[in-house]
N, C-alpha and C. Protein backbone atom coordinates (compact mmCIF):
# COMPACT_ATOMS: atom_id res chain seq x y z
N MET A 1 19.34 -26.01 -35.24
CA MET A 1 18.92 -24.97 -35.43
C MET A 1 18.91 -23.61 -34.16
N SER A 2 18.95 -22.82 -34.10
CA SER A 2 19.63 -21.74 -32.88
C SER A 2 18.07 -21.12 -32.74
N ALA A 3 17.88 -21.00 -31.28
CA ALA A 3 16.83 -20.37 -30.76
C ALA A 3 16.58 -18.93 -31.35
N ALA A 4 15.36 -18.33 -31.60
CA ALA A 4 15.04 -17.25 -31.57
C ALA A 4 15.19 -16.10 -30.73
N ALA A 5 16.03 -15.13 -30.91
CA ALA A 5 16.25 -14.01 -29.50
C ALA A 5 15.20 -13.67 -29.29
N PRO A 6 14.98 -13.38 -27.72
CA PRO A 6 14.04 -13.14 -27.17
C PRO A 6 13.76 -11.45 -27.35
N PRO A 7 12.56 -11.01 -27.20
CA PRO A 7 12.07 -9.60 -28.02
C PRO A 7 12.68 -8.45 -27.13
N SER A 8 12.96 -7.94 -27.86
CA SER A 8 14.08 -6.75 -27.06
C SER A 8 12.91 -5.77 -25.93
N GLY A 9 13.12 -4.62 -25.10
CA GLY A 9 12.59 -4.13 -24.68
C GLY A 9 11.10 -3.53 -25.50
N PRO A 10 10.49 -2.43 -24.45
CA PRO A 10 9.22 -2.40 -25.25
C PRO A 10 9.75 -1.10 -26.09
N VAL A 11 8.52 -0.86 -26.89
CA VAL A 11 8.60 -0.08 -28.33
C VAL A 11 8.16 0.94 -27.63
N THR A 12 9.09 2.53 -27.85
CA THR A 12 8.00 4.01 -27.47
C THR A 12 6.90 4.23 -29.01
N LEU A 13 5.83 4.15 -28.64
CA LEU A 13 4.56 5.06 -29.39
C LEU A 13 4.63 6.29 -29.59
N ALA A 14 4.62 6.87 -28.67
CA ALA A 14 4.83 8.60 -28.73
C ALA A 14 5.46 8.95 -27.11
N GLU A 15 5.96 10.18 -27.00
CA GLU A 15 6.58 10.65 -26.06
C GLU A 15 6.37 12.24 -26.01
N ALA A 16 6.23 12.38 -25.12
CA ALA A 16 6.24 14.21 -24.54
C ALA A 16 6.72 14.25 -23.21
N ARG A 17 7.00 15.51 -23.11
CA ARG A 17 7.66 16.54 -22.14
C ARG A 17 6.65 18.06 -21.46
N TRP A 18 6.75 17.98 -20.35
CA TRP A 18 6.13 19.85 -19.84
C TRP A 18 7.68 19.98 -19.03
N PRO A 19 8.11 21.49 -19.25
CA PRO A 19 7.27 22.04 -20.18
C PRO A 19 8.60 21.83 -21.46
N GLU A 20 7.93 22.48 -22.39
CA GLU A 20 8.27 22.57 -23.83
C GLU A 20 8.51 23.97 -24.15
N PRO A 21 9.13 24.52 -25.06
CA PRO A 21 10.25 26.16 -24.62
C PRO A 21 8.92 27.09 -24.85
N ASP A 22 7.61 27.34 -25.04
CA ASP A 22 6.67 28.08 -24.77
C ASP A 22 5.71 27.84 -23.68
N ASP A 23 5.76 26.55 -23.24
CA ASP A 23 4.68 26.50 -21.88
C ASP A 23 5.32 27.26 -20.76
N GLN A 24 4.01 28.02 -20.05
CA GLN A 24 3.84 28.71 -19.23
C GLN A 24 3.57 27.33 -17.84
N GLN A 25 2.31 27.66 -17.61
CA GLN A 25 1.69 26.63 -16.68
C GLN A 25 0.50 25.75 -17.11
N PRO A 26 0.74 24.33 -16.26
CA PRO A 26 -0.35 23.58 -16.94
C PRO A 26 -1.53 23.78 -16.54
N PRO A 27 -2.15 23.24 -18.17
CA PRO A 27 -3.95 23.88 -17.87
C PRO A 27 -4.58 23.45 -16.23
N ARG A 28 -5.27 24.29 -15.41
CA ARG A 28 -5.85 23.77 -14.48
C ARG A 28 -6.97 22.76 -14.70
N ILE A 29 -7.21 21.80 -13.59
CA ILE A 29 -7.93 20.81 -14.07
C ILE A 29 -8.81 21.09 -12.36
N PRO A 30 -10.24 21.32 -13.03
CA PRO A 30 -11.14 20.98 -11.87
C PRO A 30 -11.19 19.92 -10.81
N GLY A 31 -11.35 20.52 -9.52
CA GLY A 31 -11.36 19.26 -8.44
C GLY A 31 -10.04 19.18 -8.26
N PHE A 32 -8.96 20.30 -8.72
CA PHE A 32 -7.81 19.78 -8.32
C PHE A 32 -7.40 21.34 -7.63
N ILE A 33 -6.55 21.22 -6.77
CA ILE A 33 -6.29 22.69 -6.13
C ILE A 33 -4.58 22.83 -5.61
N VAL A 34 -4.54 24.09 -5.55
CA VAL A 34 -3.61 24.24 -4.59
C VAL A 34 -1.97 23.59 -5.52
N SER A 35 -2.02 22.89 -5.52
CA SER A 35 -0.72 21.87 -6.38
C SER A 35 -0.93 22.19 -7.70
N PRO A 36 0.69 22.38 -8.21
CA PRO A 36 0.99 22.04 -9.66
C PRO A 36 1.46 20.65 -10.26
N PHE A 37 1.07 19.98 -9.05
CA PHE A 37 1.68 18.20 -9.37
C PHE A 37 0.47 17.73 -10.53
N ASN A 38 -0.56 18.01 -9.97
CA ASN A 38 -1.50 17.14 -10.88
C ASN A 38 -1.84 17.30 -12.17
N PRO A 39 -1.76 18.72 -12.56
CA PRO A 39 -2.04 19.67 -13.72
C PRO A 39 -0.55 19.20 -14.49
N LEU A 40 0.38 18.98 -13.58
CA LEU A 40 1.42 18.74 -14.61
C LEU A 40 1.22 17.52 -15.16
N VAL A 41 1.12 16.35 -14.53
CA VAL A 41 0.88 15.01 -15.10
C VAL A 41 -0.46 14.97 -15.75
N ALA A 42 -1.31 15.48 -15.65
CA ALA A 42 -2.65 15.75 -16.71
C ALA A 42 -2.03 16.47 -17.99
N ALA A 43 -1.07 16.97 -17.93
CA ALA A 43 -0.88 18.13 -19.24
C ALA A 43 -0.07 16.89 -20.15
N VAL A 44 1.17 16.45 -19.45
CA VAL A 44 2.13 15.45 -20.21
C VAL A 44 1.33 14.36 -20.86
N ALA A 45 0.54 13.49 -19.78
CA ALA A 45 -0.32 12.98 -20.50
C ALA A 45 -0.76 12.89 -21.57
N ASP A 46 -1.70 14.10 -21.46
CA ASP A 46 -2.69 14.70 -22.65
C ASP A 46 -1.69 14.48 -24.11
N ARG A 47 -0.67 15.37 -23.70
CA ARG A 47 0.29 15.76 -24.57
C ARG A 47 0.64 14.38 -25.14
N CYS A 48 1.40 13.21 -24.25
CA CYS A 48 1.75 11.79 -25.34
C CYS A 48 0.19 11.15 -25.89
N LEU A 49 -0.99 11.17 -25.34
CA LEU A 49 -1.38 10.40 -25.85
C LEU A 49 -2.33 10.89 -26.88
N ARG A 50 -2.38 12.50 -26.99
CA ARG A 50 -2.54 13.18 -28.35
C ARG A 50 -1.40 13.21 -29.50
N ALA A 51 -0.33 12.92 -28.99
CA ALA A 51 0.49 12.49 -30.34
C ALA A 51 0.43 10.82 -30.73
N ALA A 52 -0.22 9.86 -30.03
CA ALA A 52 -0.50 8.61 -30.55
C ALA A 52 -1.78 8.60 -31.02
N HIS A 53 -3.16 9.34 -30.40
CA HIS A 53 -4.11 9.10 -30.80
C HIS A 53 -4.80 10.39 -31.39
N GLY A 54 -4.63 11.55 -31.31
CA GLY A 54 -5.20 12.44 -31.65
C GLY A 54 -6.12 13.36 -30.83
N THR A 55 -7.41 12.76 -30.53
CA THR A 55 -8.05 13.36 -29.49
C THR A 55 -8.71 12.23 -28.74
N PRO A 56 -9.18 12.30 -27.55
CA PRO A 56 -10.32 11.20 -26.79
C PRO A 56 -11.22 10.73 -27.59
N GLN A 57 -11.78 11.59 -28.39
CA GLN A 57 -12.99 10.98 -29.30
C GLN A 57 -12.48 10.59 -30.63
N THR A 58 -10.99 10.73 -31.30
CA THR A 58 -10.58 9.99 -32.35
C THR A 58 -10.15 8.83 -32.24
N ALA A 59 -9.40 8.62 -30.65
CA ALA A 59 -9.08 7.32 -30.34
C ALA A 59 -9.69 6.13 -30.57
N ASP A 60 -8.91 5.08 -30.55
CA ASP A 60 -9.31 3.73 -31.03
C ASP A 60 -9.95 3.09 -29.52
N PRO A 61 -11.12 2.96 -29.58
CA PRO A 61 -11.48 2.25 -27.95
C PRO A 61 -10.62 1.00 -27.75
N ARG A 62 -10.81 0.47 -28.95
CA ARG A 62 -9.78 -1.35 -28.57
C ARG A 62 -8.76 -1.20 -28.13
N ARG A 63 -7.69 -0.11 -28.42
CA ARG A 63 -6.27 0.20 -28.50
C ARG A 63 -6.44 0.79 -26.71
N LEU A 64 -7.55 1.89 -26.62
CA LEU A 64 -7.49 2.10 -24.73
C LEU A 64 -7.99 1.46 -23.68
N GLU A 65 -9.07 0.13 -24.29
CA GLU A 65 -9.01 -0.35 -23.44
C GLU A 65 -8.16 -1.37 -22.24
N ARG A 66 -6.96 -1.46 -23.23
CA ARG A 66 -5.98 -2.30 -22.39
C ARG A 66 -4.99 -1.64 -22.29
N THR A 67 -4.91 -0.31 -21.90
CA THR A 67 -3.72 1.17 -21.78
C THR A 67 -3.71 1.00 -20.46
N ALA A 68 -2.48 0.59 -19.83
CA ALA A 68 -2.42 1.02 -18.25
C ALA A 68 -1.69 2.53 -17.96
N ILE A 69 -1.51 2.82 -17.07
CA ILE A 69 -0.83 3.94 -16.46
C ILE A 69 -0.03 3.49 -15.50
N VAL A 70 1.04 3.98 -15.69
CA VAL A 70 2.30 3.95 -14.48
C VAL A 70 2.65 5.60 -14.40
N LEU A 71 2.57 6.09 -13.11
CA LEU A 71 2.42 7.50 -12.78
C LEU A 71 4.04 7.40 -11.85
N ALA A 72 5.17 7.68 -12.04
CA ALA A 72 6.12 7.36 -10.74
C ALA A 72 6.92 9.27 -10.64
N SER A 73 7.37 9.37 -9.26
CA SER A 73 7.81 10.40 -9.28
C SER A 73 8.71 10.29 -7.77
N ALA A 74 9.51 10.90 -7.33
CA ALA A 74 10.76 10.73 -6.58
C ALA A 74 9.97 11.82 -5.32
N ASP A 75 9.36 12.89 -5.64
CA ASP A 75 9.10 13.58 -4.24
C ASP A 75 7.44 13.28 -4.15
N GLY A 76 6.56 13.14 -5.17
CA GLY A 76 5.25 13.09 -5.41
C GLY A 76 4.75 14.35 -5.05
N ASP A 77 3.50 14.66 -4.84
CA ASP A 77 2.40 15.91 -4.60
C ASP A 77 3.16 16.41 -3.11
N THR A 78 4.29 17.37 -3.09
CA THR A 78 4.75 17.95 -2.20
C THR A 78 3.98 19.24 -1.58
N ALA A 79 3.35 20.02 -2.55
CA ALA A 79 2.54 21.00 -2.39
C ALA A 79 1.26 20.47 -1.90
N THR A 80 0.68 19.60 -2.25
CA THR A 80 -0.48 19.14 -1.49
C THR A 80 -0.39 19.02 -0.10
N ALA A 81 0.73 17.43 0.15
CA ALA A 81 1.45 17.14 1.47
C ALA A 81 1.53 18.51 2.46
N ASP A 82 2.31 19.36 1.73
CA ASP A 82 2.78 20.69 2.61
C ASP A 82 1.50 21.51 3.14
N ALA A 83 0.48 21.66 2.10
CA ALA A 83 -0.91 21.95 2.85
C ALA A 83 -1.61 21.87 3.60
N VAL A 84 -1.76 20.22 3.52
CA VAL A 84 -2.34 19.45 4.64
C VAL A 84 -1.45 20.06 5.89
N GLY A 85 -0.16 19.77 5.59
CA GLY A 85 0.46 19.92 7.10
C GLY A 85 0.60 20.92 7.34
N ARG A 86 0.33 22.11 6.78
CA ARG A 86 0.19 23.45 7.57
C ARG A 86 -1.29 23.22 8.38
N ALA A 87 -2.29 22.85 7.55
CA ALA A 87 -3.85 23.01 8.12
C ALA A 87 -3.94 22.41 9.71
N VAL A 88 -3.18 21.21 9.55
CA VAL A 88 -3.11 20.35 11.06
C VAL A 88 -2.38 20.58 11.77
N ALA A 89 -1.13 21.47 11.32
CA ALA A 89 -0.24 21.83 12.36
C ALA A 89 -1.19 23.34 13.16
N ASP A 90 -1.34 24.03 12.35
CA ASP A 90 -2.48 25.41 12.62
C ASP A 90 -3.58 25.20 13.12
N GLY A 91 -4.11 23.91 13.17
CA GLY A 91 -5.30 23.45 13.78
C GLY A 91 -6.58 23.94 12.79
N SER A 92 -6.52 24.45 11.72
CA SER A 92 -7.02 24.88 10.79
C SER A 92 -8.10 23.52 9.97
N ARG A 93 -9.31 24.02 9.23
CA ARG A 93 -9.79 23.29 8.62
C ARG A 93 -9.14 22.79 7.34
N VAL A 94 -9.07 21.31 7.11
CA VAL A 94 -8.37 20.56 5.72
C VAL A 94 -10.13 20.69 4.89
N GLN A 95 -8.96 21.36 3.75
CA GLN A 95 -10.09 21.03 2.58
C GLN A 95 -10.08 19.78 2.27
N PRO A 96 -11.69 19.32 1.82
CA PRO A 96 -11.90 17.99 1.49
C PRO A 96 -10.90 17.26 0.27
N LEU A 97 -11.10 18.74 -0.74
CA LEU A 97 -10.20 18.39 -1.88
C LEU A 97 -8.72 17.59 -1.96
N LEU A 98 -8.36 18.23 -0.47
CA LEU A 98 -6.67 17.85 -0.47
C LEU A 98 -6.47 16.40 -0.37
N PHE A 99 -7.73 15.71 0.54
CA PHE A 99 -7.55 14.47 0.89
C PHE A 99 -7.56 13.64 -0.08
N PHE A 100 -8.54 13.72 -1.45
CA PHE A 100 -8.94 13.08 -2.55
C PHE A 100 -7.34 13.22 -3.49
N GLN A 101 -6.48 14.53 -3.32
CA GLN A 101 -5.65 14.55 -4.47
C GLN A 101 -4.54 14.22 -3.82
N SER A 102 -4.22 14.26 -2.65
CA SER A 102 -2.94 13.87 -2.18
C SER A 102 -3.04 12.20 -2.54
N ASN A 103 -3.72 11.34 -3.05
CA ASN A 103 -3.58 10.21 -3.56
C ASN A 103 -3.20 10.08 -5.15
N PRO A 104 -1.85 10.05 -5.31
CA PRO A 104 -1.77 10.42 -6.88
C PRO A 104 -2.51 9.52 -7.86
N ASN A 105 -3.19 8.15 -7.36
CA ASN A 105 -4.26 7.63 -8.17
C ASN A 105 -5.17 8.59 -8.72
N ALA A 106 -5.46 9.95 -7.88
CA ALA A 106 -6.61 10.50 -8.23
C ALA A 106 -6.57 11.07 -9.62
N VAL A 107 -5.22 11.24 -10.01
CA VAL A 107 -4.79 12.00 -11.07
C VAL A 107 -4.78 11.08 -12.15
N ALA A 108 -4.26 9.82 -11.97
CA ALA A 108 -4.10 9.07 -13.09
C ALA A 108 -5.40 8.44 -13.32
N GLY A 109 -6.38 8.38 -12.25
CA GLY A 109 -7.82 8.03 -12.55
C GLY A 109 -8.31 9.64 -13.51
N HIS A 110 -8.43 10.64 -13.04
CA HIS A 110 -8.81 11.59 -13.80
C HIS A 110 -8.33 11.17 -15.38
N VAL A 111 -6.80 11.03 -15.77
CA VAL A 111 -6.15 10.68 -17.03
C VAL A 111 -7.06 9.50 -17.66
N ALA A 112 -7.29 8.62 -17.05
CA ALA A 112 -8.17 7.35 -17.40
C ALA A 112 -9.78 7.62 -18.01
N ALA A 113 -9.94 8.27 -17.00
CA ALA A 113 -11.42 8.63 -17.35
C ALA A 113 -11.67 9.61 -18.86
N ARG A 114 -10.58 10.78 -18.77
CA ARG A 114 -11.10 11.42 -19.57
C ARG A 114 -10.51 10.65 -21.42
N TRP A 115 -9.55 9.74 -21.45
CA TRP A 115 -9.03 9.09 -22.17
C TRP A 115 -9.69 7.79 -22.53
N GLY A 116 -10.66 7.14 -21.43
CA GLY A 116 -10.90 6.01 -21.41
C GLY A 116 -10.17 5.00 -21.53
N LEU A 117 -9.11 5.25 -21.12
CA LEU A 117 -8.29 4.18 -20.75
C LEU A 117 -8.68 3.16 -19.44
N ARG A 118 -8.42 1.52 -19.73
CA ARG A 118 -9.00 0.55 -18.96
C ARG A 118 -8.09 -0.52 -18.21
N GLY A 119 -6.60 0.04 -18.58
CA GLY A 119 -5.75 -1.02 -17.93
C GLY A 119 -5.77 -0.19 -16.52
N PRO A 120 -4.69 -1.41 -15.57
CA PRO A 120 -4.15 -1.27 -14.29
C PRO A 120 -3.52 0.24 -14.48
N VAL A 121 -3.93 1.01 -13.18
CA VAL A 121 -3.20 1.81 -12.99
C VAL A 121 -2.05 1.28 -11.53
N SER A 122 -0.99 2.17 -11.90
CA SER A 122 -0.10 1.70 -10.86
C SER A 122 1.13 3.44 -10.41
N CYS A 123 0.93 3.69 -9.04
CA CYS A 123 2.22 4.85 -8.77
C CYS A 123 2.97 4.09 -8.55
N VAL A 124 4.40 4.64 -8.32
CA VAL A 124 5.80 3.98 -7.92
C VAL A 124 6.41 5.49 -7.49
N ARG A 125 6.83 5.33 -6.33
CA ARG A 125 7.81 6.33 -5.82
C ARG A 125 9.31 5.64 -5.53
N THR A 126 9.87 6.32 -6.12
CA THR A 126 11.43 6.18 -6.05
C THR A 126 12.39 6.98 -5.42
N ALA A 127 13.40 6.47 -5.18
CA ALA A 127 14.19 7.21 -4.21
C ALA A 127 15.10 7.78 -5.33
N ASP A 128 15.50 7.75 -6.37
CA ASP A 128 16.09 8.42 -7.63
C ASP A 128 15.40 9.60 -7.33
N ALA A 129 16.35 10.53 -8.47
CA ALA A 129 16.06 11.93 -8.34
C ALA A 129 15.02 11.88 -9.71
N ASP A 130 15.79 10.89 -11.06
CA ASP A 130 14.81 10.28 -11.97
C ASP A 130 14.15 9.16 -11.63
N ALA A 131 12.91 9.58 -11.90
CA ALA A 131 11.96 8.58 -11.84
C ALA A 131 11.44 7.61 -13.00
N LEU A 132 11.79 8.10 -13.94
CA LEU A 132 11.65 7.28 -15.46
C LEU A 132 12.16 6.13 -15.14
N PRO A 133 13.38 5.47 -15.02
CA PRO A 133 13.73 4.30 -15.14
C PRO A 133 12.60 3.32 -14.17
N ALA A 134 12.43 3.71 -12.83
CA ALA A 134 11.73 2.80 -12.09
C ALA A 134 10.32 2.62 -12.61
N ALA A 135 9.53 3.75 -13.60
CA ALA A 135 8.28 3.75 -14.09
C ALA A 135 8.07 2.75 -15.87
N LEU A 136 9.65 2.68 -16.28
CA LEU A 136 9.62 2.19 -17.31
C LEU A 136 9.64 0.71 -16.99
N ALA A 137 10.41 0.30 -15.81
CA ALA A 137 10.38 -0.96 -15.63
C ALA A 137 8.98 -1.61 -15.11
N ALA A 138 8.57 -0.92 -13.98
CA ALA A 138 7.09 -1.16 -14.18
C ALA A 138 5.94 -1.24 -15.00
N ALA A 139 6.19 -0.59 -15.65
CA ALA A 139 5.66 -0.44 -17.66
C ALA A 139 5.69 -2.13 -18.16
N GLU A 140 7.12 -2.37 -18.07
CA GLU A 140 7.64 -3.27 -19.12
C GLU A 140 6.85 -4.55 -17.94
N LEU A 141 7.14 -4.84 -17.02
CA LEU A 141 6.29 -5.47 -15.99
C LEU A 141 4.78 -6.30 -16.50
N LEU A 142 4.42 -4.61 -16.69
CA LEU A 142 2.55 -5.00 -17.02
C LEU A 142 2.51 -5.07 -18.60
N LEU A 143 3.66 -5.32 -19.20
CA LEU A 143 3.68 -5.51 -20.93
C LEU A 143 3.86 -7.23 -20.87
N LEU A 144 5.11 -7.40 -20.14
CA LEU A 144 5.61 -8.92 -20.34
C LEU A 144 4.60 -10.02 -19.42
N ASP A 145 3.87 -9.27 -18.29
CA ASP A 145 2.90 -10.30 -17.47
C ASP A 145 1.15 -10.58 -18.91
N GLY A 146 1.21 -9.46 -19.53
CA GLY A 146 0.19 -9.49 -20.07
C GLY A 146 -1.07 -8.51 -19.58
N ASP A 147 -0.95 -7.99 -18.53
CA ASP A 147 -1.63 -7.04 -18.27
C ASP A 147 -2.40 -5.87 -18.76
N ALA A 148 -1.53 -5.80 -19.67
CA ALA A 148 -1.67 -4.16 -20.67
C ALA A 148 -1.18 -4.84 -21.84
N THR A 149 -1.95 -4.23 -23.11
CA THR A 149 -1.31 -3.89 -24.10
C THR A 149 -0.63 -3.04 -24.64
N GLU A 150 -0.42 -1.72 -23.92
CA GLU A 150 0.20 -0.17 -24.25
C GLU A 150 0.44 0.16 -22.26
N VAL A 151 1.28 0.84 -22.02
CA VAL A 151 1.61 1.22 -20.90
C VAL A 151 1.66 3.01 -21.18
N LEU A 152 0.96 4.26 -20.61
CA LEU A 152 1.39 5.34 -20.40
C LEU A 152 2.32 5.95 -19.29
N VAL A 153 3.39 5.81 -19.32
CA VAL A 153 4.60 6.02 -18.28
C VAL A 153 4.28 7.35 -18.30
N ILE A 154 4.73 7.90 -16.80
CA ILE A 154 4.72 9.48 -16.79
C ILE A 154 5.65 9.57 -15.23
N ALA A 155 6.66 10.34 -15.43
CA ALA A 155 7.47 10.66 -14.33
C ALA A 155 7.52 12.64 -14.15
N ALA A 156 7.20 12.82 -13.23
CA ALA A 156 6.92 13.80 -12.93
C ALA A 156 7.43 14.52 -11.28
N ASP A 157 7.86 15.59 -11.62
CA ASP A 157 8.04 16.22 -10.04
C ASP A 157 7.82 17.63 -10.08
N ALA A 158 6.69 18.03 -9.16
CA ALA A 158 6.55 19.50 -9.23
C ALA A 158 7.21 20.31 -7.49
N ALA A 159 8.26 20.93 -7.78
CA ALA A 159 8.93 21.40 -6.33
C ALA A 159 8.17 22.41 -5.83
N ALA A 160 7.67 22.85 -4.75
CA ALA A 160 6.78 23.89 -4.27
C ALA A 160 7.23 25.01 -4.81
N GLY A 161 6.48 25.69 -5.52
CA GLY A 161 6.89 27.34 -6.32
C GLY A 161 6.95 27.07 -7.61
N THR A 162 6.94 25.74 -8.26
CA THR A 162 7.51 25.90 -9.51
C THR A 162 6.35 24.91 -10.21
N PRO A 163 6.21 25.40 -11.72
CA PRO A 163 5.26 24.36 -11.99
C PRO A 163 5.79 22.94 -12.55
N GLY A 164 7.26 22.93 -11.98
CA GLY A 164 7.54 21.34 -12.02
C GLY A 164 7.89 20.81 -13.62
N GLU A 165 8.31 19.55 -13.71
CA GLU A 165 8.64 18.87 -15.02
C GLU A 165 8.31 17.69 -14.65
N ALA A 166 7.63 17.19 -16.08
CA ALA A 166 7.13 15.79 -16.24
C ALA A 166 7.48 15.27 -18.17
N ARG A 167 7.86 13.96 -17.76
CA ARG A 167 8.14 13.15 -19.19
C ARG A 167 7.01 11.85 -19.30
N ALA A 168 6.66 11.85 -20.31
CA ALA A 168 5.47 10.83 -20.92
C ALA A 168 6.19 10.15 -22.30
N ARG A 169 5.81 8.65 -21.75
CA ARG A 169 6.03 7.64 -23.37
C ARG A 169 4.81 6.69 -23.03
N LEU A 170 4.36 6.43 -24.19
CA LEU A 170 3.47 5.34 -24.50
C LEU A 170 4.12 4.52 -25.24
N LEU A 171 4.14 3.15 -24.21
CA LEU A 171 4.89 2.13 -24.86
C LEU A 171 3.92 0.33 -25.04
N ALA A 172 4.77 -0.05 -26.11
CA ALA A 172 3.78 -0.99 -26.42
C ALA A 172 4.72 -2.54 -26.48
N PRO A 173 4.41 -3.69 -26.31
CA PRO A 173 5.63 -4.63 -25.91
C PRO A 173 6.49 -4.67 -27.84
N ALA A 174 7.51 -5.22 -27.52
CA ALA A 174 8.47 -5.30 -28.76
C ALA A 174 7.51 -6.47 -29.73
N PRO A 175 7.65 -6.11 -30.93
CA PRO A 175 6.92 -7.34 -31.93
C PRO A 175 8.30 -8.66 -31.64
N HIS A 176 7.24 -9.66 -31.48
CA HIS A 176 7.70 -10.74 -31.36
C HIS A 176 8.71 -10.95 -33.13
N PRO A 177 10.00 -11.92 -32.82
CA PRO A 177 10.40 -12.10 -34.08
C PRO A 177 9.66 -13.14 -34.87
N VAL A 178 9.57 -12.94 -35.96
CA VAL A 178 9.23 -14.51 -36.71
C VAL A 178 10.01 -15.99 -36.80
N PRO A 179 9.45 -16.96 -36.51
CA PRO A 179 10.62 -17.93 -36.50
C PRO A 179 10.86 -17.91 -38.14
N PRO A 180 12.00 -18.40 -38.52
CA PRO A 180 12.44 -19.12 -39.83
C PRO A 180 11.09 -20.17 -40.28
N ARG A 181 10.84 -20.34 -41.44
CA ARG A 181 9.52 -21.18 -42.14
C ARG A 181 10.52 -22.25 -42.40
N LEU A 182 10.01 -23.28 -41.79
CA LEU A 182 10.59 -24.56 -42.00
C LEU A 182 9.54 -25.46 -43.33
N THR A 183 10.69 -25.59 -44.03
CA THR A 183 9.94 -26.41 -45.52
C THR A 183 10.22 -27.94 -45.25
N ALA A 184 9.09 -28.37 -46.14
CA ALA A 184 9.45 -29.90 -46.04
C ALA A 184 10.59 -30.23 -47.48
N PRO A 185 11.65 -31.30 -46.94
CA PRO A 185 12.72 -31.77 -47.86
C PRO A 185 12.11 -31.64 -49.17
N PRO A 186 12.70 -31.38 -50.13
CA PRO A 186 12.05 -31.88 -51.93
C PRO A 186 12.02 -33.48 -51.89
N LYS A 187 11.11 -33.86 -52.60
CA LYS A 187 10.57 -35.04 -52.94
C LYS A 187 12.07 -35.74 -53.65
N GLY A 188 12.44 -36.87 -53.57
CA GLY A 188 13.25 -37.63 -54.41
C GLY A 188 14.64 -37.55 -54.17
N ASN A 189 15.64 -37.51 -54.98
CA ASN A 189 17.47 -37.34 -54.74
C ASN A 189 17.62 -36.04 -54.88
N PRO A 190 17.76 -34.80 -53.78
CA PRO A 190 18.24 -33.81 -54.30
C PRO A 190 19.72 -34.04 -55.45
N HIS A 191 20.66 -35.25 -55.01
CA HIS A 191 21.37 -34.96 -55.57
C HIS A 191 21.47 -35.87 -56.85
N PRO A 192 21.00 -35.68 -58.07
CA PRO A 192 21.16 -36.63 -59.15
C PRO A 192 22.54 -37.28 -59.21
């Protein structure tokens, strides 16, 4: 008897991107200032989760309870970093919100709170311009380890002066193959 094949990689339950053809700027988020990065992340996450769940109010809380977030970026929130750097260099007062939003977990926490996601939150910085492969690898580990039953993967970058681009996927583990059913041998002589 041959062994069952190992399950394949995660399955995609929903996906989204920003911008789509009619998109302008992502909606602003109260408490996040200066940078397009955080609204970009929240917009693509919202778009992906809506494709899978409808609205935060109609989503199944049992699914959300073990949904993790992986946010990956090659450059991160450069607009916030630049604003803090300019203020420090000029000897100006740094706006307190910039310290809060300079941590990428802040926008991931915003998404988690809005949707009721209760799984782990991970942020990955990658040397590759395309952050999606690193995010997918991190998500696969969360699923394989059993730390989450679904993972919202977001890869985002927003260069200064642009609204940026982002992709999101909601992943779940691949279904395990059902082993062949073993039956008892027939009673008596099968060859009369």
